[in-house]
Amino acid sequence: MPKIIAQDFDATFYMKHFIKDLTIASEESQQRNFKLEIMEAIRQECQQVQAMGYGDQGTQALYHYYQA
């Protein structure tokens, strides 16, 4: 939270890598017939953040999604 307040979006964990991990988890859960609806919603939001041009920022870039 302090990074968001300071408007510091430098990556500590890149959004694009978070999306990659969420995608792997999503694919694995589908293969096992698990429904992880909240995780899927978060993955879609993160993909929208990446489409907005924030994929090389930290995961705190989700802030931009909620600001839009």
N, C-alpha and C. Protein backbone atom coordinates (compact mmCIF):
# COMPACT_ATOMS: atom_id res chain seq x y z
N MET A 1 0.81 -1.20 0.00
CA MET A 1 0.00 0.00 0.00
C MET A 1 0.86 1.27 0.00
N PRO A 2 1.97 1.33 0.72
CA PRO A 2 2.78 2.54 0.70
C PRO A 2 3.27 2.91 -0.70
N LYS A 3 3.58 1.90 -1.54
CA LYS A 3 4.04 2.20 -2.90
C LYS A 3 2.93 2.87 -3.71
N ILE A 4 1.70 2.43 -3.53
CA ILE A 4 0.58 3.04 -4.25
C ILE A 4 0.39 4.48 -3.80
N ILE A 5 0.41 4.69 -2.50
CA ILE A 5 0.24 6.05 -1.98
C ILE A 5 1.32 6.97 -2.52
N ALA A 6 2.54 6.44 -2.63
CA ALA A 6 3.66 7.24 -3.15
C ALA A 6 3.66 7.30 -4.67
N GLN A 7 2.66 6.67 -5.31
CA GLN A 7 2.60 6.61 -6.78
C GLN A 7 3.86 5.96 -7.35
N ASP A 8 4.41 4.99 -6.61
CA ASP A 8 5.61 4.26 -7.03
C ASP A 8 5.15 2.94 -7.65
N PHE A 9 5.24 2.86 -8.97
CA PHE A 9 4.79 1.67 -9.68
C PHE A 9 5.97 0.87 -10.24
N ASP A 10 7.19 1.17 -9.74
CA ASP A 10 8.34 0.36 -10.13
C ASP A 10 8.10 -1.07 -9.69
N ALA A 11 8.51 -1.96 -10.52
CA ALA A 11 8.22 -3.38 -10.27
C ALA A 11 9.05 -3.95 -9.13
N THR A 12 8.38 -4.58 -8.21
CA THR A 12 9.03 -5.49 -7.27
C THR A 12 8.67 -6.90 -7.72
N PHE A 13 7.49 -7.06 -8.27
CA PHE A 13 7.07 -8.29 -8.95
C PHE A 13 6.26 -7.82 -10.16
N TYR A 14 6.77 -8.06 -11.35
CA TYR A 14 6.16 -7.54 -12.57
C TYR A 14 4.73 -8.06 -12.77
N MET A 15 3.88 -7.18 -13.22
CA MET A 15 2.50 -7.55 -13.54
C MET A 15 2.49 -8.67 -14.58
N LYS A 16 3.34 -8.59 -15.59
CA LYS A 16 3.36 -9.60 -16.65
C LYS A 16 3.73 -10.98 -16.09
N HIS A 17 4.58 -11.03 -15.07
CA HIS A 17 4.94 -12.32 -14.47
C HIS A 17 3.81 -12.84 -13.58
N PHE A 18 3.10 -11.93 -12.93
CA PHE A 18 1.94 -12.31 -12.13
C PHE A 18 0.87 -12.93 -13.03
N ILE A 19 0.66 -12.32 -14.20
CA ILE A 19 -0.31 -12.85 -15.16
C ILE A 19 0.11 -14.24 -15.62
N LYS A 20 1.40 -14.41 -15.90
CA LYS A 20 1.91 -15.73 -16.32
C LYS A 20 1.60 -16.77 -15.25
N ASP A 21 1.87 -16.44 -13.99
CA ASP A 21 1.62 -17.39 -12.91
C ASP A 21 0.13 -17.68 -12.75
N LEU A 22 -0.69 -16.64 -12.85
CA LEU A 22 -2.13 -16.84 -12.76
C LEU A 22 -2.65 -17.69 -13.91
N THR A 23 -2.07 -17.52 -15.10
CA THR A 23 -2.48 -18.31 -16.26
C THR A 23 -2.12 -19.78 -16.06
N ILE A 24 -0.93 -20.05 -15.54
CA ILE A 24 -0.53 -21.43 -15.25
C ILE A 24 -1.50 -22.04 -14.24
N ALA A 25 -1.79 -21.31 -13.19
CA ALA A 25 -2.72 -21.82 -12.17
C ALA A 25 -4.11 -22.05 -12.76
N SER A 26 -4.54 -21.16 -13.65
CA SER A 26 -5.84 -21.30 -14.29
C SER A 26 -5.89 -22.55 -15.16
N GLU A 27 -4.84 -22.77 -15.95
CA GLU A 27 -4.79 -23.95 -16.81
C GLU A 27 -4.77 -25.24 -15.99
N GLU A 28 -4.00 -25.23 -14.92
CA GLU A 28 -3.94 -26.41 -14.06
C GLU A 28 -5.28 -26.69 -13.38
N SER A 29 -5.93 -25.64 -12.94
CA SER A 29 -7.22 -25.84 -12.27
C SER A 29 -8.28 -26.36 -13.25
N GLN A 30 -8.23 -25.89 -14.49
CA GLN A 30 -9.17 -26.37 -15.50
C GLN A 30 -8.95 -27.85 -15.79
N GLN A 31 -7.69 -28.27 -15.85
CA GLN A 31 -7.38 -29.68 -16.11
C GLN A 31 -7.89 -30.58 -14.99
N ARG A 32 -8.01 -30.01 -13.80
CA ARG A 32 -8.46 -30.79 -12.64
C ARG A 32 -9.93 -30.54 -12.30
N ASN A 33 -10.61 -29.82 -13.21
CA ASN A 33 -12.03 -29.50 -13.04
C ASN A 33 -12.32 -28.72 -11.76
N PHE A 34 -11.38 -27.85 -11.36
CA PHE A 34 -11.61 -26.94 -10.25
C PHE A 34 -12.13 -25.63 -10.81
N LYS A 35 -13.05 -25.03 -10.13
CA LYS A 35 -13.52 -23.70 -10.51
C LYS A 35 -12.94 -22.69 -9.54
N LEU A 36 -12.06 -21.85 -10.04
CA LEU A 36 -11.45 -20.80 -9.23
C LEU A 36 -11.88 -19.46 -9.82
N GLU A 37 -13.13 -19.13 -9.61
CA GLU A 37 -13.74 -17.97 -10.26
C GLU A 37 -13.10 -16.65 -9.83
N ILE A 38 -12.76 -16.52 -8.58
CA ILE A 38 -12.15 -15.27 -8.11
C ILE A 38 -10.77 -15.09 -8.73
N MET A 39 -9.99 -16.17 -8.77
CA MET A 39 -8.68 -16.09 -9.39
C MET A 39 -8.80 -15.72 -10.87
N GLU A 40 -9.78 -16.29 -11.54
CA GLU A 40 -9.97 -15.99 -12.96
C GLU A 40 -10.36 -14.52 -13.15
N ALA A 41 -11.17 -14.00 -12.28
CA ALA A 41 -11.55 -12.58 -12.36
C ALA A 41 -10.33 -11.69 -12.15
N ILE A 42 -9.48 -12.04 -11.21
CA ILE A 42 -8.26 -11.27 -10.96
C ILE A 42 -7.34 -11.35 -12.17
N ARG A 43 -7.22 -12.54 -12.76
CA ARG A 43 -6.36 -12.70 -13.95
C ARG A 43 -6.86 -11.81 -15.09
N GLN A 44 -8.17 -11.76 -15.29
CA GLN A 44 -8.73 -10.92 -16.34
C GLN A 44 -8.48 -9.43 -16.06
N GLU A 45 -8.60 -9.03 -14.81
CA GLU A 45 -8.31 -7.63 -14.46
C GLU A 45 -6.84 -7.32 -14.73
N CYS A 46 -5.96 -8.24 -14.36
CA CYS A 46 -4.53 -8.02 -14.58
C CYS A 46 -4.22 -7.95 -16.07
N GLN A 47 -4.88 -8.76 -16.87
CA GLN A 47 -4.68 -8.71 -18.32
C GLN A 47 -5.13 -7.35 -18.87
N GLN A 48 -6.18 -6.81 -18.31
CA GLN A 48 -6.63 -5.48 -18.74
C GLN A 48 -5.61 -4.42 -18.35
N VAL A 49 -5.02 -4.57 -17.17
CA VAL A 49 -3.97 -3.64 -16.74
C VAL A 49 -2.79 -3.71 -17.70
N GLN A 50 -2.43 -4.92 -18.10
CA GLN A 50 -1.33 -5.09 -19.06
C GLN A 50 -1.70 -4.45 -20.40
N ALA A 51 -2.93 -4.63 -20.84
CA ALA A 51 -3.38 -4.03 -22.10
C ALA A 51 -3.36 -2.50 -22.02
N MET A 52 -3.48 -1.96 -20.82
CA MET A 52 -3.41 -0.51 -20.63
C MET A 52 -1.97 -0.02 -20.68
N GLY A 53 -1.00 -0.95 -20.78
CA GLY A 53 0.40 -0.58 -20.91
C GLY A 53 1.20 -0.67 -19.63
N TYR A 54 0.67 -1.36 -18.61
CA TYR A 54 1.34 -1.41 -17.32
C TYR A 54 1.94 -2.78 -17.00
N GLY A 55 2.17 -3.60 -17.99
CA GLY A 55 2.70 -4.94 -17.76
C GLY A 55 4.10 -4.98 -17.19
N ASP A 56 4.88 -3.93 -17.44
CA ASP A 56 6.25 -3.87 -16.92
C ASP A 56 6.33 -3.15 -15.58
N GLN A 57 5.19 -2.86 -15.00
CA GLN A 57 5.17 -2.25 -13.67
C GLN A 57 4.88 -3.35 -12.65
N GLY A 58 4.98 -2.98 -11.40
CA GLY A 58 4.71 -3.93 -10.33
C GLY A 58 3.24 -4.26 -10.23
N THR A 59 2.93 -5.26 -9.43
CA THR A 59 1.55 -5.67 -9.26
C THR A 59 0.68 -4.56 -8.68
N GLN A 60 1.31 -3.58 -8.04
CA GLN A 60 0.54 -2.44 -7.53
C GLN A 60 -0.07 -1.62 -8.67
N ALA A 61 0.29 -1.93 -9.91
CA ALA A 61 -0.29 -1.24 -11.07
C ALA A 61 -1.78 -1.56 -11.21
N LEU A 62 -2.28 -2.54 -10.48
CA LEU A 62 -3.73 -2.79 -10.46
C LEU A 62 -4.49 -1.53 -10.06
N TYR A 63 -3.82 -0.67 -9.35
CA TYR A 63 -4.39 0.62 -8.96
C TYR A 63 -4.94 1.35 -10.18
N HIS A 64 -4.22 1.28 -11.30
CA HIS A 64 -4.65 1.96 -12.53
C HIS A 64 -5.97 1.40 -13.03
N TYR A 65 -6.18 0.11 -12.85
CA TYR A 65 -7.43 -0.52 -13.28
C TYR A 65 -8.61 0.06 -12.51
N TYR A 66 -8.44 0.20 -11.23
CA TYR A 66 -9.54 0.69 -10.40
C TYR A 66 -9.72 2.20 -10.50
N GLN A 67 -8.68 2.88 -10.96
CA GLN A 67 -8.80 4.32 -11.18
C GLN A 67 -9.56 4.64 -12.46
N ALA A 68 -9.47 3.75 -13.44
CA ALA A 68 -10.08 4.00 -14.76
C ALA A 68 -11.58 3.96 -14.71
